[in-house]
Structure formats: C-alpha cells, structure tokens
Amino acid sequence: MANITAAMVKALRDKTGAGMMDCKKALVEANGDEEKAVEILRKKGLAKAAKKADRNAAEGRVEIYLTPDYKKGSIVEVNCETDFVAKTDEFVEFTKEIVKTINVNDIDDVNALMGTSFGSGTFEEELKVKIAKIGENIVVRRMATIKAPENGIVNGYIHAGGRVGVLVAAACDKPETCEAIKDTLKDIAMHIAAMKPLYLNPESVPADVIEKEKEIAKEQLLKEGKPEQVIDKIIPGKIKKYFQEVCLTEQEYVKAEKKESVAEALSKAAKAAGGEAKLVDFIRFEVGEGLVKNACNMADEVAKALGE
C-alpha cells in the first residue's frame, strides 16, 4: 500500500477542489495514483450530483460578460438552492467562468454548454463535481448573447449582488459615437434593471397585445360612462401611455435632470459627440423569475442531510 502524504492530499485538493478527507480516501483507494484518484472523485461527484438533481434550485445569480471592444455581451442565470451559497466567492466565480465560456464559444443553449471544454474536463463533468463539493443542486437556467451591429456597442449592468442583470445594445453612425455613449448605455442598463421594460419600442409590441389593451381601455371608459363616439378619440392616448409604461425607448429616463425619454437621453448623448445613436436590443434577467421556491424548514433540511 502506498504511503499517502499530506503533500499528495494537498496536491489532489488543489487540482480537484474536493475536501481533504475525500482526497485522502481517493488516494488510498487509488494506491497513491493521482490520476486514478481524480477519476474516483469524479465518479463520487456524479453520484452525489445525481442525488441532488431533483432538488429545487430557485436562488442563484445573474452574471454578464462583455468583450473588451464592447461588441458582444453575454448573460446567464445560474441557480442554486440557497441565497447563502449564491453569495459565496466560489459560486460567484463559477458563474463568471460560465458566462465567459458562453461568450467566447458563442454558446446559445444549455445542451451545447454541457459538452464544452471547461476546467479539466467538459462543463457537465465540472458542474457535477461542483454540485458534489458545494452540496446543493446547481442549474444553468438560461443564457443569451447580444452582438452589436457593425457600428454599434453593447454594455451592461449587474444590480443587487447579482439578483438582476442587463445587457443593452445601440447602433451608432460611427465608432467615435459608440465610444462617446458607452457610459450612457450603462446608465440605461441601470434604468432597465429598475424599471423593467417589457419591449424595446412601440414597433416591437405584438399586435394582439395592443388590441387587448384597446379592449381593456374601452371597457374602462364605458364603465366611466363615456359615449361611444368619444371613446375612439381617447383610446390612442391610452395606448400611447401604455407604450410609455412598457417600452424602453418611451419610458421616462430615471437619470434625466428634466423630463425626457430614454431614447431622447441616448440621442442627446450622441449629439453631444457630433453623432447619432439608437437603441436596438436589450435583455433583462432576474434571479428566480417564474420559479416556485420550495417551503422547507430547518428540521426538514437537517433530516435530508442526515439521510444522505
């Protein structure tokens, strides 16, 4: 039987991130062969990850990655089970590595991500090892990438410790304008994080949504006793107000010193640099949107832990 030294255990821990005792046991089982010990740890990680795969993961973090030239930005939501784990340095760094991998490799879905090289293996292998180490289910829920037009720029913003992430893109008349509006675009990303627009502009609102809003407005006006001939004149104003509430370009810009829309604020920033710019796309992710959190008390958690 090989003599397992502290240095061997430390080297394996540094390589795999597994616990000291797990590393020692794996080295003993592998008779001191580090590569076999790594394989043993990975197999154990797969088993532990499988046990956790059906556990609810509705906490987590949103992270963004922007290329140095601000021509492409990616965003990802990675979920875990508790807010405590979501705030740990290990989970934060893991999420940052994931979104960079997505950006660099132009990955657009989770299945493609699973087979991508990541760390010392594929992402799927590293994910299962991470689940085993952290002790919670981890799920890459969704991702997206925005690429700027030929003369364009992408910027973004992370809010509330990774609870909300935003990417926003603009088209410019020339590269100099793009550089000039970079900070304004980040401020607009902050606006998006706070104001939660549903659509980019009025043109992007689906026709059926507009018709539904017209129906709602008409019903409200009829209840108020407005005559039919007057209602048709009022509804366009109601729809305009709806656009101001849900369309990014039409919303009142939160950082404006005086009343102006987001589109007007961007145009003003571009004009100050002698150019023109307009918004062309945005994405907003918020952790846990649409997910149902499990109600679980401490006693249940302890019982689960003892049962593993």
Protein backbone atom coordinates (compact mmCIF):
# COMPACT_ATOMS: atom_id res chain seq x y z
CA MET A 1 0.00 0.00 0.00
CA ALA A 2 1.34 3.44 -0.99
CA ASN A 3 2.29 5.94 1.69
CA ILE A 4 -0.21 8.79 1.34
CA THR A 5 1.50 12.04 2.39
CA ALA A 6 -0.04 15.38 3.28
CA ALA A 7 1.60 16.88 0.20
CA MET A 8 -0.16 14.33 -2.04
CA VAL A 9 -3.50 15.11 -0.42
CA LYS A 10 -2.95 18.87 -0.82
CA ALA A 11 -1.96 18.47 -4.47
CA LEU A 12 -5.11 16.49 -5.20
CA ARG A 13 -7.26 19.01 -3.34
CA ASP A 14 -5.70 21.88 -5.33
CA LYS A 15 -6.41 20.01 -8.56
CA THR A 16 -9.99 18.97 -7.84
CA GLY A 17 -11.32 21.28 -5.13
CA ALA A 18 -12.61 18.26 -3.20
CA GLY A 19 -12.44 18.07 0.60
CA MET A 20 -9.25 16.93 2.35
CA MET A 21 -10.77 13.69 3.68
CA ASP A 22 -12.33 12.87 0.31
CA CYS A 23 -8.93 13.39 -1.34
CA LYS A 24 -7.18 11.16 1.18
CA LYS A 25 -9.75 8.37 0.80
CA ALA A 26 -9.49 8.58 -3.01
CA LEU A 27 -5.70 8.37 -2.90
CA VAL A 28 -5.85 5.37 -0.58
CA GLU A 29 -8.34 3.68 -2.92
CA ALA A 30 -6.13 4.50 -5.90
CA ASN A 31 -2.98 3.29 -4.09
CA GLY A 32 -1.40 6.72 -4.47
CA ASP A 33 -2.10 7.15 -8.20
CA GLU A 34 -3.22 10.77 -8.56
CA GLU A 35 -4.96 10.32 -11.92
CA LYS A 36 -6.95 7.34 -10.65
CA ALA A 37 -7.80 9.35 -7.52
CA VAL A 38 -9.14 12.16 -9.73
CA GLU A 39 -11.32 9.63 -11.57
CA ILE A 40 -12.60 8.22 -8.27
CA LEU A 41 -13.51 11.71 -7.04
CA ARG A 42 -15.31 12.49 -10.29
CA LYS A 43 -17.35 9.29 -10.07
CA LYS A 44 -18.30 10.08 -6.49
CA GLY A 45 -19.21 13.57 -7.62
CA LEU A 46 -21.52 12.13 -10.30
CA ALA A 47 -23.31 10.03 -7.69
CA LYS A 48 -23.74 12.95 -5.29
CA ALA A 49 -24.90 15.24 -8.08
CA ALA A 50 -27.49 12.69 -9.23
CA LYS A 51 -28.98 12.63 -5.73
CA LYS A 52 -29.38 16.41 -5.78
CA ALA A 53 -30.69 16.75 -9.35
CA ASP A 54 -34.36 16.82 -8.34
CA ARG A 55 -33.89 19.39 -5.57
CA ASN A 56 -35.42 22.82 -6.10
CA ALA A 57 -32.94 25.49 -7.20
CA ALA A 58 -34.65 28.90 -7.24
CA GLU A 59 -31.92 31.09 -5.76
CA GLY A 60 -28.72 31.96 -7.57
CA ARG A 61 -27.01 34.69 -9.52
CA VAL A 62 -27.15 36.53 -12.83
CA GLU A 63 -23.82 37.44 -14.40
CA ILE A 64 -22.75 39.23 -17.59
CA TYR A 65 -19.59 39.22 -19.69
CA LEU A 66 -18.63 41.93 -22.17
CA THR A 67 -15.85 41.62 -24.75
CA PRO A 68 -13.07 44.23 -24.38
CA ASP A 69 -14.31 46.03 -27.50
CA TYR A 70 -17.91 46.10 -26.21
CA LYS A 71 -19.09 44.43 -29.41
CA LYS A 72 -20.61 41.36 -27.76
CA GLY A 73 -22.19 40.71 -24.39
CA SER A 74 -23.49 37.52 -22.79
CA ILE A 75 -25.74 36.98 -19.80
CA VAL A 76 -26.51 33.86 -17.75
CA GLU A 77 -28.69 32.86 -14.81
CA VAL A 78 -27.25 30.09 -12.66
CA ASN A 79 -29.49 28.75 -9.90
CA CYS A 80 -28.69 27.05 -6.61
CA GLU A 81 -30.82 26.12 -3.59
CA THR A 82 -29.98 28.83 -1.06
CA ASP A 83 -29.15 32.52 -1.05
CA PHE A 84 -26.22 31.71 1.23
CA VAL A 85 -24.48 29.63 -1.45
CA ALA A 86 -25.35 32.18 -4.15
CA LYS A 87 -23.29 34.79 -2.28
CA THR A 88 -20.19 32.67 -1.74
CA ASP A 89 -17.00 33.56 -3.61
CA GLU A 90 -16.87 30.08 -5.12
CA PHE A 91 -20.36 30.30 -6.64
CA VAL A 92 -19.79 33.86 -7.87
CA GLU A 93 -16.52 32.90 -9.58
CA PHE A 94 -18.12 29.78 -11.06
CA THR A 95 -20.90 31.88 -12.57
CA LYS A 96 -18.40 34.34 -14.02
CA GLU A 97 -16.44 31.49 -15.61
CA ILE A 98 -19.66 30.10 -17.10
CA VAL A 99 -20.74 33.35 -18.74
CA LYS A 100 -17.25 33.95 -20.15
CA THR A 101 -17.28 30.44 -21.63
CA ILE A 102 -20.68 31.14 -23.19
CA ASN A 103 -19.41 34.38 -24.72
CA VAL A 104 -16.07 33.09 -26.03
CA ASN A 105 -17.60 29.95 -27.56
CA ASP A 106 -20.82 31.54 -28.88
CA ILE A 107 -22.96 29.07 -26.91
CA ASP A 108 -26.69 29.66 -27.06
CA ASP A 109 -28.24 26.77 -25.10
CA VAL A 110 -27.57 24.63 -22.05
CA ASN A 111 -27.13 21.40 -24.01
CA ALA A 112 -24.31 22.93 -26.06
CA LEU A 113 -22.69 24.24 -22.88
CA MET A 114 -22.64 20.76 -21.29
CA GLY A 115 -20.21 19.37 -23.86
CA THR A 116 -17.93 22.40 -23.96
CA SER A 117 -14.39 22.22 -22.57
CA PHE A 118 -14.34 23.69 -19.08
CA GLY A 119 -11.60 23.39 -16.47
CA SER A 120 -10.01 19.95 -16.68
CA GLY A 121 -12.92 18.32 -18.50
CA THR A 122 -16.29 19.14 -20.01
CA PHE A 123 -18.65 21.61 -18.38
CA GLU A 124 -21.04 18.78 -17.50
CA GLU A 125 -18.27 16.99 -15.58
CA GLU A 126 -17.16 20.16 -13.79
CA LEU A 127 -20.75 21.02 -12.89
CA LYS A 128 -21.29 17.66 -11.22
CA VAL A 129 -18.04 17.97 -9.28
CA LYS A 130 -19.10 21.47 -8.16
CA ILE A 131 -22.52 20.19 -7.05
CA ALA A 132 -20.85 17.46 -5.01
CA LYS A 133 -18.43 19.91 -3.42
CA ILE A 134 -20.90 22.70 -2.62
CA GLY A 135 -23.63 20.28 -1.54
CA GLU A 136 -26.50 21.93 -3.42
CA ASN A 137 -28.15 21.37 -6.77
CA ILE A 138 -26.84 23.86 -9.36
CA VAL A 139 -28.68 24.56 -12.61
CA VAL A 140 -27.75 26.75 -15.56
CA ARG A 141 -31.24 28.00 -16.24
CA ARG A 142 -30.91 30.36 -19.21
CA MET A 143 -28.45 32.37 -21.25
CA ALA A 144 -28.40 34.91 -24.07
CA THR A 145 -25.92 36.89 -26.14
CA ILE A 146 -26.25 40.24 -27.85
CA LYS A 147 -23.93 41.16 -30.72
CA ALA A 148 -23.64 44.81 -31.69
CA PRO A 149 -24.30 45.93 -35.26
CA GLU A 150 -21.30 46.85 -37.43
CA ASN A 151 -21.29 50.36 -35.98
CA GLY A 152 -22.67 49.53 -32.58
CA ILE A 153 -21.92 48.87 -28.94
CA VAL A 154 -23.14 46.63 -26.10
CA ASN A 155 -22.94 47.49 -22.43
CA GLY A 156 -24.47 46.06 -19.28
CA TYR A 157 -25.08 46.24 -15.57
CA ILE A 158 -25.36 43.88 -12.60
CA HIS A 159 -27.66 45.00 -9.79
CA ALA A 160 -28.25 43.93 -6.18
CA GLY A 161 -25.40 41.49 -5.85
CA GLY A 162 -26.27 39.57 -8.98
CA ARG A 163 -30.04 39.42 -8.47
CA VAL A 164 -30.63 41.34 -11.72
CA GLY A 165 -28.51 41.56 -14.86
CA VAL A 166 -28.99 43.63 -18.01
CA LEU A 167 -27.44 43.88 -21.47
CA VAL A 168 -28.37 46.68 -23.86
CA ALA A 169 -27.17 47.46 -27.39
CA ALA A 170 -27.17 50.57 -29.55
CA ALA A 171 -26.41 51.30 -33.20
CA CYS A 172 -24.29 54.36 -33.99
CA ASP A 173 -23.41 56.37 -37.06
CA LYS A 174 -19.65 55.95 -36.43
CA PRO A 175 -17.24 54.27 -33.96
CA GLU A 176 -16.48 57.58 -32.23
CA THR A 177 -20.14 57.97 -31.31
CA CYS A 178 -20.22 54.46 -29.85
CA GLU A 179 -17.27 55.28 -27.62
CA ALA A 180 -18.91 58.53 -26.53
CA ILE A 181 -22.20 56.91 -25.47
CA LYS A 182 -20.64 53.93 -23.65
CA ASP A 183 -21.29 55.32 -20.16
CA THR A 184 -24.79 56.49 -21.08
CA LEU A 185 -25.58 52.99 -22.32
CA LYS A 186 -24.51 51.56 -18.95
CA ASP A 187 -26.78 54.09 -17.23
CA ILE A 188 -29.62 52.93 -19.49
CA ALA A 189 -28.88 49.35 -18.42
CA MET A 190 -29.30 50.55 -14.82
CA HIS A 191 -32.62 52.11 -15.85
CA ILE A 192 -33.73 48.79 -17.33
CA ALA A 193 -32.82 46.97 -14.12
CA ALA A 194 -35.03 49.33 -12.12
CA MET A 195 -37.93 49.98 -14.49
CA LYS A 196 -38.40 46.51 -16.05
CA PRO A 197 -39.50 47.43 -19.59
CA LEU A 198 -41.24 44.65 -21.49
CA TYR A 199 -40.46 45.78 -25.04
CA LEU A 200 -37.77 47.76 -26.83
CA ASN A 201 -40.09 50.22 -28.61
CA PRO A 202 -43.75 50.56 -29.74
CA GLU A 203 -42.96 48.78 -33.01
CA SER A 204 -41.91 45.65 -31.11
CA VAL A 205 -45.18 45.34 -29.14
CA PRO A 206 -47.20 42.44 -30.62
CA ALA A 207 -50.42 43.43 -32.38
CA ASP A 208 -52.53 41.14 -30.17
CA VAL A 209 -51.16 42.83 -27.05
CA ILE A 210 -52.13 46.26 -28.40
CA GLU A 211 -55.62 45.02 -29.28
CA LYS A 212 -56.04 43.62 -25.78
CA GLU A 213 -55.03 46.96 -24.26
CA LYS A 214 -57.54 48.72 -26.51
CA GLU A 215 -60.28 46.36 -25.29
CA ILE A 216 -59.37 46.98 -21.65
CA ALA A 217 -59.30 50.74 -22.20
CA LYS A 218 -62.68 50.66 -23.95
CA GLU A 219 -64.26 48.66 -21.11
CA GLN A 220 -62.91 51.10 -18.54
CA LEU A 221 -64.20 54.10 -20.47
CA LEU A 222 -67.65 52.52 -20.92
CA LYS A 223 -67.85 51.92 -17.16
CA GLU A 224 -66.98 55.58 -16.66
CA GLY A 225 -69.98 56.48 -18.81
CA LYS A 226 -68.08 57.87 -21.78
CA PRO A 227 -70.10 57.91 -25.04
CA GLU A 228 -69.00 55.61 -27.89
CA GLN A 229 -68.07 58.48 -30.21
CA VAL A 230 -65.71 59.94 -27.62
CA ILE A 231 -64.07 56.61 -26.71
CA ASP A 232 -62.48 56.17 -30.15
CA LYS A 233 -60.74 59.53 -29.72
CA ILE A 234 -59.47 58.72 -26.20
CA ILE A 235 -58.07 55.25 -26.87
CA PRO A 236 -54.99 56.38 -28.91
CA GLY A 237 -53.91 58.45 -25.91
CA LYS A 238 -54.38 55.44 -23.64
CA ILE A 239 -52.22 53.31 -25.91
CA LYS A 240 -49.53 55.99 -26.00
CA LYS A 241 -49.49 56.00 -22.20
CA TYR A 242 -49.22 52.19 -22.23
CA PHE A 243 -46.17 52.44 -24.51
CA GLN A 244 -44.61 54.92 -22.07
CA GLU A 245 -45.01 52.35 -19.32
CA VAL A 246 -43.74 49.20 -21.07
CA CYS A 247 -41.44 50.30 -23.93
CA LEU A 248 -37.83 51.11 -23.10
CA THR A 249 -37.46 53.91 -25.65
CA GLU A 250 -40.63 55.64 -24.42
CA GLN A 251 -40.09 55.31 -20.66
CA GLU A 252 -39.15 58.42 -18.72
CA TYR A 253 -35.40 58.18 -18.14
CA VAL A 254 -34.69 57.81 -14.42
CA LYS A 255 -31.40 59.74 -14.56
CA ALA A 256 -32.76 62.71 -16.52
CA GLU A 257 -32.45 66.13 -14.87
CA LYS A 258 -35.64 67.16 -16.65
CA LYS A 259 -38.38 65.05 -18.19
CA GLU A 260 -37.14 63.12 -21.22
CA SER A 261 -37.49 59.61 -22.61
CA VAL A 262 -34.74 57.02 -22.67
CA ALA A 263 -34.49 57.38 -26.46
CA GLU A 264 -34.15 61.15 -26.12
CA ALA A 265 -31.44 60.77 -23.46
CA LEU A 266 -29.36 58.49 -25.71
CA SER A 267 -29.87 60.76 -28.72
CA LYS A 268 -28.72 63.77 -26.66
CA ALA A 269 -25.55 61.96 -25.54
CA ALA A 270 -24.76 61.01 -29.15
CA LYS A 271 -25.49 64.51 -30.43
CA ALA A 272 -23.09 65.99 -27.86
CA ALA A 273 -20.37 63.92 -29.55
CA GLY A 274 -21.46 65.03 -33.01
CA GLY A 275 -23.20 61.79 -33.90
CA GLU A 276 -26.37 59.73 -33.80
CA ALA A 277 -27.38 56.58 -31.93
CA LYS A 278 -30.45 54.49 -31.25
CA LEU A 279 -31.28 51.51 -29.07
CA VAL A 280 -31.59 48.20 -30.92
CA ASP A 281 -31.88 45.46 -28.27
CA PHE A 282 -31.88 44.65 -24.56
CA ILE A 283 -32.11 41.64 -22.25
CA ARG A 284 -33.02 41.64 -18.56
CA PHE A 285 -32.68 38.59 -16.30
CA GLU A 286 -33.83 38.49 -12.69
CA VAL A 287 -33.00 35.54 -10.46
CA GLY A 288 -35.89 33.14 -9.99
CA GLU A 289 -38.36 34.81 -12.37
CA GLY A 290 -41.22 32.35 -12.79
CA LEU A 291 -39.72 29.74 -10.46
CA VAL A 292 -41.54 28.38 -7.42
CA LYS A 293 -39.48 28.15 -4.25
CA ASN A 294 -39.89 25.14 -2.02
CA ALA A 295 -41.13 25.87 1.50
CA CYS A 296 -38.73 23.91 3.67
CA ASN A 297 -37.96 24.40 7.34
CA MET A 298 -34.66 23.80 9.12
CA ALA A 299 -35.80 20.46 10.55
CA ASP A 300 -36.50 19.20 7.04
CA GLU A 301 -33.05 20.32 5.88
CA VAL A 302 -31.34 18.55 8.76
CA ALA A 303 -33.35 15.37 8.13
CA LYS A 304 -32.35 15.47 4.45
CA ALA A 305 -28.71 15.97 5.33
CA LEU A 306 -28.71 13.04 7.77
CA GLY A 307 -30.42 10.86 5.20
CA GLU A 308 -27.76 11.37 2.51
